Every structure is written in structure tokens, then in C-alpha cells.
Amino acid sequence: MSETNPTIPEPKLSLTQVLTLLRDPARWIVLRELSKEPALPVGELARRIGGPPSAASKHMALMLRLGVVKSVYGRMYALTPAFRPTPGTLEIDFGHCLVRLDRPQA
């Protein structure tokens, strides 16, 4: 019989899903930008990741399937409540790992 520790929350995504999400640096940028803004359109996300809107749309489709973002106001996207940063930080706890989005990119 396995016991769960009530002080450690259950992961919101499987480890495979977290690895899929974090595999592409562009999605890290999307997470950071959506952590700072309430919602952004695909075109603006594309500009911020330095790619075409079609690439941003593909990233958003994956993030929608994983439940990390939601579509608001048409083609604008926002983080779902479960994946909003810890208040006062740019950190998202995925259960399997804590992602710090305020670090400079290498």
C-alpha cells in the first residue's frame, strides 16, 4: 500500500508531458512572457520568440493540449490558473520540477 505525502502536491502533468513542454527553448520564452502578461496574441508571441506566427501557433496548440494555456478573446492566450507563477516570482512548479523563468538565456 502506498501513502501520499499531503505536503507535496501531485504533479499537474506527467514527467513525459513536462519534458515535452520544456524541450523547446521557444516554449520557455512563451511561458516567461505569459507569466508577465495576462494574455498575448499569437502574433506578439511569435515576435517575442523570434519566429513566424505559424511556429507560435504550433507551440500554442501543444500547450493547449497539455492544459498549460487557454485561449481567451479569440487568438489570445493566457496561462491556466494551475500554471501561473508563484506569486511574486517568475517560477512555475510543475510538480516534477520548478522552472525559473527569470534567468537570462544562455
C-alpha atoms as a PDB file:
ATOM      1  CA  MET A   1       0.000   0.000   0.000  1.00  0.00           C
ATOM      2  CA  SER A   2       1.426   3.376  -0.952  1.00  0.00           C
ATOM      3  CA  GLU A   3       0.922   6.507   1.063  1.00  0.00           C
ATOM      4  CA  THR A   4       0.972  10.005  -0.326  1.00  0.00           C
ATOM      5  CA  ASN A   5       2.585  12.903   1.471  1.00  0.00           C
ATOM      6  CA  PRO A   6      -0.062  15.616   1.922  1.00  0.00           C
ATOM      7  CA  THR A   7       2.584  18.376   1.923  1.00  0.00           C
ATOM      8  CA  ILE A   8       3.834  17.518  -1.593  1.00  0.00           C
ATOM      9  CA  PRO A   9       1.257  18.359  -4.274  1.00  0.00           C
ATOM     10  CA  GLU A  10       0.577  15.884  -7.048  1.00  0.00           C
ATOM     11  CA  PRO A  11       2.208  16.836 -10.359  1.00  0.00           C
ATOM     12  CA  LYS A  12      -0.161  18.584 -12.759  1.00  0.00           C
ATOM     13  CA  LEU A  13       1.485  16.916 -15.767  1.00  0.00           C
ATOM     14  CA  SER A  14       3.236  13.604 -16.225  1.00  0.00           C
ATOM     15  CA  LEU A  15       7.031  13.696 -16.393  1.00  0.00           C
ATOM     16  CA  THR A  16       6.850  12.905 -20.118  1.00  0.00           C
ATOM     17  CA  GLN A  17       4.484  15.846 -20.652  1.00  0.00           C
ATOM     18  CA  VAL A  18       6.769  18.211 -18.701  1.00  0.00           C
ATOM     19  CA  LEU A  19       9.773  17.093 -20.752  1.00  0.00           C
ATOM     20  CA  THR A  20       7.815  17.564 -23.983  1.00  0.00           C
ATOM     21  CA  LEU A  21       6.731  21.041 -22.895  1.00  0.00           C
ATOM     22  CA  LEU A  22      10.200  22.175 -21.848  1.00  0.00           C
ATOM     23  CA  ARG A  23      12.111  20.540 -24.717  1.00  0.00           C
ATOM     24  CA  ASP A  24      11.923  23.633 -26.943  1.00  0.00           C
ATOM     25  CA  PRO A  25      13.509  26.936 -25.797  1.00  0.00           C
ATOM     26  CA  ALA A  26      10.746  28.873 -27.588  1.00  0.00           C
ATOM     27  CA  ARG A  27       8.187  27.417 -25.166  1.00  0.00           C
ATOM     28  CA  TRP A  28      10.315  28.627 -22.233  1.00  0.00           C
ATOM     29  CA  ILE A  29      10.045  32.119 -23.730  1.00  0.00           C
ATOM     30  CA  VAL A  30       6.280  31.727 -24.139  1.00  0.00           C
ATOM     31  CA  LEU A  31       5.966  30.626 -20.506  1.00  0.00           C
ATOM     32  CA  ARG A  32       8.045  33.601 -19.348  1.00  0.00           C
ATOM     33  CA  GLU A  33       6.112  36.112 -21.438  1.00  0.00           C
ATOM     34  CA  LEU A  34       2.717  34.748 -20.380  1.00  0.00           C
ATOM     35  CA  SER A  35       3.924  34.821 -16.771  1.00  0.00           C
ATOM     36  CA  LYS A  36       4.396  38.578 -17.089  1.00  0.00           C
ATOM     37  CA  GLU A  37       1.283  39.412 -19.148  1.00  0.00           C
ATOM     38  CA  PRO A  38      -2.358  38.455 -18.566  1.00  0.00           C
ATOM     39  CA  ALA A  39      -2.794  37.358 -22.206  1.00  0.00           C
ATOM     40  CA  LEU A  40      -0.989  37.746 -25.527  1.00  0.00           C
ATOM     41  CA  PRO A  41      -1.974  37.172 -29.170  1.00  0.00           C
ATOM     42  CA  VAL A  42      -0.175  34.658 -31.358  1.00  0.00           C
ATOM     43  CA  GLY A  43       1.438  37.393 -33.439  1.00  0.00           C
ATOM     44  CA  GLU A  44       3.016  39.005 -30.388  1.00  0.00           C
ATOM     45  CA  LEU A  45       4.176  35.648 -29.047  1.00  0.00           C
ATOM     46  CA  ALA A  46       5.743  34.943 -32.449  1.00  0.00           C
ATOM     47  CA  ARG A  47       7.593  38.252 -32.296  1.00  0.00           C
ATOM     48  CA  ARG A  48       8.860  37.501 -28.791  1.00  0.00           C
ATOM     49  CA  ILE A  49      10.134  34.028 -29.697  1.00  0.00           C
ATOM     50  CA  GLY A  50      11.653  35.330 -32.920  1.00  0.00           C
ATOM     51  CA  GLY A  51       9.703  33.102 -35.275  1.00  0.00           C
ATOM     52  CA  PRO A  52       6.748  33.171 -37.645  1.00  0.00           C
ATOM     53  CA  PRO A  53       3.160  33.118 -36.370  1.00  0.00           C
ATOM     54  CA  SER A  54       2.776  29.562 -37.706  1.00  0.00           C
ATOM     55  CA  ALA A  55       5.548  28.363 -35.348  1.00  0.00           C
ATOM     56  CA  ALA A  56       3.967  30.192 -32.404  1.00  0.00           C
ATOM     57  CA  SER A  57       0.605  28.620 -33.284  1.00  0.00           C
ATOM     58  CA  LYS A  58       2.163  25.129 -33.207  1.00  0.00           C
ATOM     59  CA  HIS A  59       3.665  25.804 -29.789  1.00  0.00           C
ATOM     60  CA  MET A  60       0.333  27.110 -28.527  1.00  0.00           C
ATOM     61  CA  ALA A  61      -1.505  24.041 -29.882  1.00  0.00           C
ATOM     62  CA  LEU A  62       0.797  21.758 -27.875  1.00  0.00           C
ATOM     63  CA  MET A  63       0.473  23.911 -24.767  1.00  0.00           C
ATOM     64  CA  LEU A  64      -3.333  23.917 -25.151  1.00  0.00           C
ATOM     65  CA  ARG A  65      -3.376  20.091 -25.402  1.00  0.00           C
ATOM     66  CA  LEU A  66      -1.284  19.873 -22.228  1.00  0.00           C
ATOM     67  CA  GLY A  67      -3.615  22.289 -20.425  1.00  0.00           C
ATOM     68  CA  VAL A  68      -0.842  24.802 -19.721  1.00  0.00           C
ATOM     69  CA  VAL A  69      -2.524  27.651 -21.602  1.00  0.00           C
ATOM     70  CA  LYS A  70      -6.054  28.550 -22.514  1.00  0.00           C
ATOM     71  CA  SER A  71      -7.437  30.540 -25.409  1.00  0.00           C
ATOM     72  CA  VAL A  72      -9.038  33.801 -24.376  1.00  0.00           C
ATOM     73  CA  TYR A  73     -10.567  36.524 -26.533  1.00  0.00           C
ATOM     74  CA  GLY A  74     -10.130  34.636 -29.790  1.00  0.00           C
ATOM     75  CA  ARG A  75      -6.479  34.050 -30.671  1.00  0.00           C
ATOM     76  CA  MET A  76      -5.084  35.398 -27.408  1.00  0.00           C
ATOM     77  CA  TYR A  77      -3.547  33.002 -24.925  1.00  0.00           C
ATOM     78  CA  ALA A  78      -3.065  33.004 -21.159  1.00  0.00           C
ATOM     79  CA  LEU A  79      -1.621  30.565 -18.651  1.00  0.00           C
ATOM     80  CA  THR A  80      -4.221  28.410 -16.951  1.00  0.00           C
ATOM     81  CA  PRO A  81      -4.574  29.021 -13.187  1.00  0.00           C
ATOM     82  CA  ALA A  82      -2.764  25.756 -12.370  1.00  0.00           C
ATOM     83  CA  PHE A  83       0.359  27.008 -14.162  1.00  0.00           C
ATOM     84  CA  ARG A  84       0.503  30.617 -13.104  1.00  0.00           C
ATOM     85  CA  PRO A  85       3.774  31.549 -11.411  1.00  0.00           C
ATOM     86  CA  THR A  86       4.242  31.501  -7.691  1.00  0.00           C
ATOM     87  CA  PRO A  87       3.137  34.994  -6.545  1.00  0.00           C
ATOM     88  CA  GLY A  88       5.984  37.495  -6.585  1.00  0.00           C
ATOM     89  CA  THR A  89       8.189  35.288  -8.788  1.00  0.00           C
ATOM     90  CA  LEU A  90       8.606  34.062 -12.322  1.00  0.00           C
ATOM     91  CA  GLU A  91       8.625  30.423 -11.180  1.00  0.00           C
ATOM     92  CA  ILE A  92       6.223  27.678 -12.214  1.00  0.00           C
ATOM     93  CA  ASP A  93       6.011  24.499 -10.163  1.00  0.00           C
ATOM     94  CA  PHE A  94       5.331  21.578 -12.485  1.00  0.00           C
ATOM     95  CA  GLY A  95       5.455  19.072  -9.633  1.00  0.00           C
ATOM     96  CA  HIS A  96       8.409  17.224 -11.142  1.00  0.00           C
ATOM     97  CA  CYS A  97      10.476  20.389 -11.333  1.00  0.00           C
ATOM     98  CA  LEU A  98      10.430  24.075 -10.501  1.00  0.00           C
ATOM     99  CA  VAL A  99      11.084  26.235 -13.561  1.00  0.00           C
ATOM    100  CA  ARG A 100      12.660  29.653 -13.016  1.00  0.00           C
ATOM    101  CA  LEU A 101      11.751  31.875 -15.931  1.00  0.00           C
ATOM    102  CA  ASP A 102      13.599  34.989 -14.786  1.00  0.00           C
ATOM    103  CA  ARG A 103      17.078  33.642 -15.569  1.00  0.00           C
ATOM    104  CA  PRO A 104      18.921  35.000 -18.607  1.00  0.00           C
ATOM    105  CA  GLN A 105      19.079  32.670 -21.571  1.00  0.00           C
ATOM    106  CA  ALA A 106      22.424  31.169 -22.491  1.00  0.00           C
END
